Protein backbone atom coordinates (compact mmCIF):
# COMPACT_ATOMS: atom_id res chain seq x y z
CA MET A 1 2.13 -15.10 -30.21
CA LYS A 2 1.22 -12.64 -27.49
CA ALA A 3 3.09 -9.34 -27.41
CA VAL A 4 4.96 -8.66 -24.20
CA LYS A 5 4.07 -5.34 -22.62
CA THR A 6 6.88 -3.56 -20.84
CA ARG A 7 6.48 -0.52 -18.68
CA SER A 8 9.21 1.81 -17.73
CA PHE A 9 10.31 1.93 -14.12
CA PHE A 10 8.83 5.41 -13.77
CA ALA A 11 5.44 4.37 -15.18
CA THR A 12 5.29 1.39 -12.82
CA PHE A 13 6.28 3.52 -9.83
CA ALA A 14 3.78 6.23 -10.80
CA LEU A 15 1.01 3.62 -10.94
CA ARG A 16 1.99 2.24 -7.52
CA TRP A 17 2.12 5.79 -6.15
CA PHE A 18 -1.38 6.49 -7.50
CA VAL A 19 -2.77 3.24 -6.08
CA CYS A 20 -1.20 3.86 -2.66
CA SER A 21 -2.53 7.42 -2.54
CA LEU A 22 -5.99 6.37 -3.69
CA GLY A 23 -6.02 3.51 -1.18
CA LEU A 24 -4.99 5.81 1.67
CA TRP A 25 -7.71 8.29 0.73
CA ILE A 26 -10.37 5.55 0.60
CA ALA A 27 -9.14 4.06 3.89
CA ALA A 28 -9.34 7.47 5.54
CA GLY A 29 -12.94 7.75 4.37
CA LEU A 30 -13.91 4.27 5.53
CA LEU A 31 -11.98 4.36 8.81
CA ARG A 32 -12.97 7.88 9.86
CA GLY A 33 -10.76 9.24 12.60
CA ALA A 34 -8.49 6.19 12.69
CA VAL A 35 -6.64 7.26 9.52
CA ASP A 36 -6.08 11.01 9.46
CA TYR A 37 -4.50 13.00 6.65
CA GLN A 38 -5.61 16.41 7.99
CA ASN A 39 -8.00 16.84 5.02
CA ARG A 40 -5.07 17.91 2.85
CA LEU A 41 -4.53 16.38 -0.56
CA LYS A 42 -0.79 17.04 -0.28
CA VAL A 43 -0.53 14.70 2.72
CA VAL A 44 -2.22 11.85 0.81
CA ILE A 45 0.02 12.36 -2.23
CA VAL A 46 3.28 12.52 -0.25
CA ALA A 47 2.24 9.62 2.00
CA GLY A 48 1.37 7.59 -1.11
CA ALA A 49 4.84 8.24 -2.53
CA ILE A 50 6.48 7.22 0.75
CA LEU A 51 4.35 4.09 0.94
CA ALA A 52 5.19 3.21 -2.67
CA LEU A 53 8.91 3.59 -1.85
CA VAL A 54 8.57 1.46 1.30
CA ASN A 55 6.73 -1.18 -0.73
CA ALA A 56 9.42 -1.14 -3.42
CA ILE A 57 12.45 -1.22 -1.12
CA ILE A 58 11.59 -2.63 2.31
CA LYS A 59 8.61 -4.90 1.63
CA PRO A 60 10.61 -7.46 -0.43
CA LEU A 61 13.04 -7.80 2.46
CA LEU A 62 10.16 -8.28 4.92
CA VAL A 63 8.61 -10.92 2.67
CA LEU A 64 11.90 -12.77 2.30
CA GLY A 65 12.57 -12.67 6.04
CA SER A 66 9.12 -13.91 6.95
CA LEU A 67 8.71 -16.51 4.22
CA PRO A 68 8.22 -19.39 6.70
CA ALA A 69 5.39 -17.49 8.44
CA ILE A 70 3.82 -16.69 5.08
CA LEU A 71 3.94 -20.33 4.02
CA LEU A 72 2.63 -21.64 7.34
CA SER A 73 -0.28 -19.19 7.33
CA LEU A 74 -1.02 -19.89 3.67
CA GLY A 75 -0.31 -16.27 2.78
CA LEU A 76 -2.36 -14.60 5.50
CA PHE A 77 0.81 -13.24 7.11
CA MET A 78 1.02 -10.90 4.10
CA LEU A 79 -1.76 -8.88 5.78
CA ILE A 80 0.61 -8.25 8.68
CA ILE A 81 3.43 -7.30 6.31
CA ASN A 82 1.13 -4.89 4.44
CA GLY A 83 0.08 -3.39 7.77
CA ALA A 84 3.72 -3.04 8.80
CA THR A 85 4.56 -1.13 5.62
CA VAL A 86 1.60 1.22 6.12
CA TYR A 87 2.52 1.73 9.78
CA LEU A 88 6.17 2.41 8.84
CA ALA A 89 5.08 4.95 6.22
CA SER A 90 2.97 6.73 8.84
CA LYS A 91 5.96 6.87 11.19
CA LEU A 92 8.22 8.21 8.43
CA TYR A 93 5.66 10.90 7.52
CA PRO A 94 3.96 12.23 10.69
CA PRO A 95 1.20 14.27 8.94
CA LEU A 96 -0.33 10.88 8.09
CA HIS A 97 -1.66 9.55 11.37
CA ILE A 98 -2.61 5.90 11.76
CA GLU A 99 -4.25 5.22 15.13
CA SER A 100 -2.91 1.69 15.74
CA PHE A 101 -1.25 -1.27 14.10
CA SER A 102 -4.59 -3.00 13.60
CA ILE A 103 -5.84 0.07 11.74
CA ALA A 104 -2.65 -0.09 9.64
CA VAL A 105 -3.48 -3.73 8.79
CA ALA A 106 -7.02 -2.72 7.77
CA THR A 107 -5.59 0.14 5.70
CA GLY A 108 -3.16 -2.27 4.03
CA LEU A 109 -6.09 -4.54 3.20
CA ILE A 110 -8.01 -1.64 1.64
CA ILE A 111 -4.96 -0.59 -0.39
CA GLY A 112 -4.55 -4.19 -1.54
CA LEU A 113 -8.16 -4.29 -2.71
CA VAL A 114 -7.74 -0.99 -4.55
CA ASN A 115 -4.57 -2.36 -6.15
CA TYR A 116 -6.45 -5.48 -7.25
CA LEU A 117 -9.28 -3.43 -8.78
CA VAL A 118 -6.96 -1.00 -10.59
CA THR A 119 -4.86 -3.87 -11.94
CA ALA A 120 -7.96 -5.75 -13.11
CA ILE A 121 -9.26 -2.65 -14.90
CA LEU A 122 -5.92 -1.94 -16.59
CA GLU A 123 -5.39 -5.55 -17.66
CA SER A 124 -8.88 -5.80 -19.16
CA ARG A 125 -7.98 -3.14 -21.72
């Protein structure tokens, strides 16, 4: 029988915070000028925390409200929802500047890929 692993709420949130911050930093490097964190580590860390909170609180409501669009698009509408959460985080924390909504969608995609890679690495252990 397989042992069930349980993480505390804080450990799960800390991992999401790390992934969001890492994803924002990578997105800023790949999308030079379109994602600006003023070359300050503090901005990436605080913005990652805000994005993790938005993903934990607001994103489930967005997913529930747009479930028909998600089903009709076979899940592709989740890219728009991810972009919306990134764009909202940038509006809540002005030192993080996202040039446009399309850049926010691209940033959300990059964060999703980072999340996938980190999860795959942690689950392989």
